[in-house]
Amino acid sequence: MKKEKNSSNLQFFSNYCKFYSMLMFNYDHKLNAVRSKIRFFR
C-alpha cells in the first residue's frame, strides 16, 4: 500500500516536472520573441 502511494507520487512528480519544463520552455520562447520584437522596433 505504501509503495503504491510512493509510486503514484513519483508519477505525479515526474508529470509535474515535464509540465513545468514545457511551461518554462514556452515562456523562454515567448520572452525571446518579445525581446527580438523590441530590438526590431528600436
N, C-alpha and C. Protein backbone atom coordinates (compact mmCIF):
# COMPACT_ATOMS: atom_id res chain seq x y z
N MET A 1 0.83 -1.21 0.00
CA MET A 1 0.00 0.00 0.00
C MET A 1 0.87 1.26 0.00
N LYS A 2 1.85 1.26 0.91
CA LYS A 2 2.71 2.44 0.99
C LYS A 2 3.54 2.60 -0.29
N LYS A 3 4.00 1.47 -0.82
CA LYS A 3 4.80 1.51 -2.05
C LYS A 3 3.98 2.09 -3.20
N GLU A 4 2.72 1.67 -3.29
CA GLU A 4 1.85 2.18 -4.35
C GLU A 4 1.71 3.69 -4.25
N LYS A 5 1.50 4.17 -3.03
CA LYS A 5 1.34 5.60 -2.83
C LYS A 5 2.61 6.34 -3.28
N ASN A 6 3.76 5.79 -2.91
CA ASN A 6 5.02 6.41 -3.31
C ASN A 6 5.17 6.45 -4.82
N SER A 7 4.82 5.35 -5.47
CA SER A 7 4.98 5.30 -6.92
C SER A 7 4.04 6.30 -7.59
N SER A 8 2.82 6.43 -7.06
CA SER A 8 1.89 7.38 -7.65
C SER A 8 2.40 8.81 -7.44
N ASN A 9 2.97 9.06 -6.27
CA ASN A 9 3.55 10.37 -6.01
C ASN A 9 4.70 10.65 -6.97
N LEU A 10 5.50 9.63 -7.21
CA LEU A 10 6.62 9.76 -8.13
C LEU A 10 6.12 10.06 -9.54
N GLN A 11 5.08 9.36 -9.95
CA GLN A 11 4.48 9.58 -11.27
C GLN A 11 3.99 11.02 -11.37
N PHE A 12 3.29 11.46 -10.35
CA PHE A 12 2.78 12.83 -10.33
C PHE A 12 3.93 13.83 -10.42
N PHE A 13 4.99 13.56 -9.67
CA PHE A 13 6.14 14.46 -9.65
C PHE A 13 6.80 14.53 -11.02
N SER A 14 6.95 13.38 -11.67
CA SER A 14 7.59 13.36 -12.99
C SER A 14 6.71 14.10 -14.00
N ASN A 15 5.40 13.89 -13.91
CA ASN A 15 4.48 14.60 -14.80
C ASN A 15 4.57 16.10 -14.55
N TYR A 16 4.64 16.48 -13.28
CA TYR A 16 4.74 17.89 -12.92
C TYR A 16 6.02 18.49 -13.48
N CYS A 17 7.12 17.74 -13.38
CA CYS A 17 8.40 18.22 -13.90
C CYS A 17 8.33 18.43 -15.41
N LYS A 18 7.72 17.46 -16.10
CA LYS A 18 7.57 17.59 -17.56
C LYS A 18 6.77 18.84 -17.89
N PHE A 19 5.64 19.00 -17.19
CA PHE A 19 4.76 20.14 -17.44
C PHE A 19 5.49 21.45 -17.17
N TYR A 20 6.22 21.49 -16.05
CA TYR A 20 6.93 22.70 -15.65
C TYR A 20 8.02 23.06 -16.66
N SER A 21 8.76 22.05 -17.10
CA SER A 21 9.84 22.32 -18.06
C SER A 21 9.25 22.80 -19.39
N MET A 22 8.10 22.21 -19.78
CA MET A 22 7.43 22.64 -21.01
C MET A 22 7.00 24.09 -20.86
N LEU A 23 6.44 24.41 -19.70
CA LEU A 23 5.97 25.77 -19.43
C LEU A 23 7.13 26.75 -19.52
N MET A 24 8.24 26.42 -18.87
CA MET A 24 9.40 27.31 -18.88
C MET A 24 9.97 27.46 -20.28
N PHE A 25 9.96 26.38 -21.05
CA PHE A 25 10.46 26.43 -22.42
C PHE A 25 9.59 27.39 -23.24
N ASN A 26 8.27 27.26 -23.11
CA ASN A 26 7.35 28.14 -23.84
C ASN A 26 7.56 29.59 -23.40
N TYR A 27 7.77 29.78 -22.09
CA TYR A 27 7.96 31.12 -21.55
C TYR A 27 9.23 31.74 -22.13
N ASP A 28 10.31 30.97 -22.16
CA ASP A 28 11.56 31.45 -22.74
C ASP A 28 11.37 31.81 -24.20
N HIS A 29 10.64 30.97 -24.91
CA HIS A 29 10.38 31.19 -26.33
C HIS A 29 9.66 32.53 -26.53
N LYS A 30 8.61 32.75 -25.73
CA LYS A 30 7.84 33.99 -25.85
C LYS A 30 8.69 35.19 -25.48
N LEU A 31 9.48 35.03 -24.42
CA LEU A 31 10.34 36.12 -23.96
C LEU A 31 11.33 36.50 -25.06
N ASN A 32 11.92 35.51 -25.70
CA ASN A 32 12.87 35.77 -26.78
C ASN A 32 12.18 36.47 -27.94
N ALA A 33 10.95 36.05 -28.24
CA ALA A 33 10.20 36.68 -29.33
C ALA A 33 9.94 38.14 -29.01
N VAL A 34 9.56 38.41 -27.77
CA VAL A 34 9.30 39.79 -27.35
C VAL A 34 10.58 40.61 -27.42
N ARG A 35 11.67 40.03 -26.96
CA ARG A 35 12.96 40.74 -27.00
C ARG A 35 13.36 41.07 -28.43
N SER A 36 13.19 40.10 -29.33
CA SER A 36 13.57 40.34 -30.72
C SER A 36 12.68 41.42 -31.33
N LYS A 37 11.40 41.43 -30.95
CA LYS A 37 10.49 42.48 -31.46
C LYS A 37 10.94 43.84 -30.97
N ILE A 38 11.30 43.91 -29.68
CA ILE A 38 11.74 45.19 -29.11
C ILE A 38 13.01 45.65 -29.82
N ARG A 39 13.93 44.72 -30.07
CA ARG A 39 15.17 45.04 -30.76
C ARG A 39 14.85 45.51 -32.18
N PHE A 40 13.85 44.89 -32.79
CA PHE A 40 13.48 45.23 -34.16
C PHE A 40 12.90 46.65 -34.22
N PHE A 41 12.13 47.02 -33.20
CA PHE A 41 11.49 48.34 -33.23
C PHE A 41 12.45 49.47 -32.86
N ARG A 42 13.54 49.14 -32.17
CA ARG A 42 14.45 50.20 -31.77
C ARG A 42 15.26 50.74 -32.93
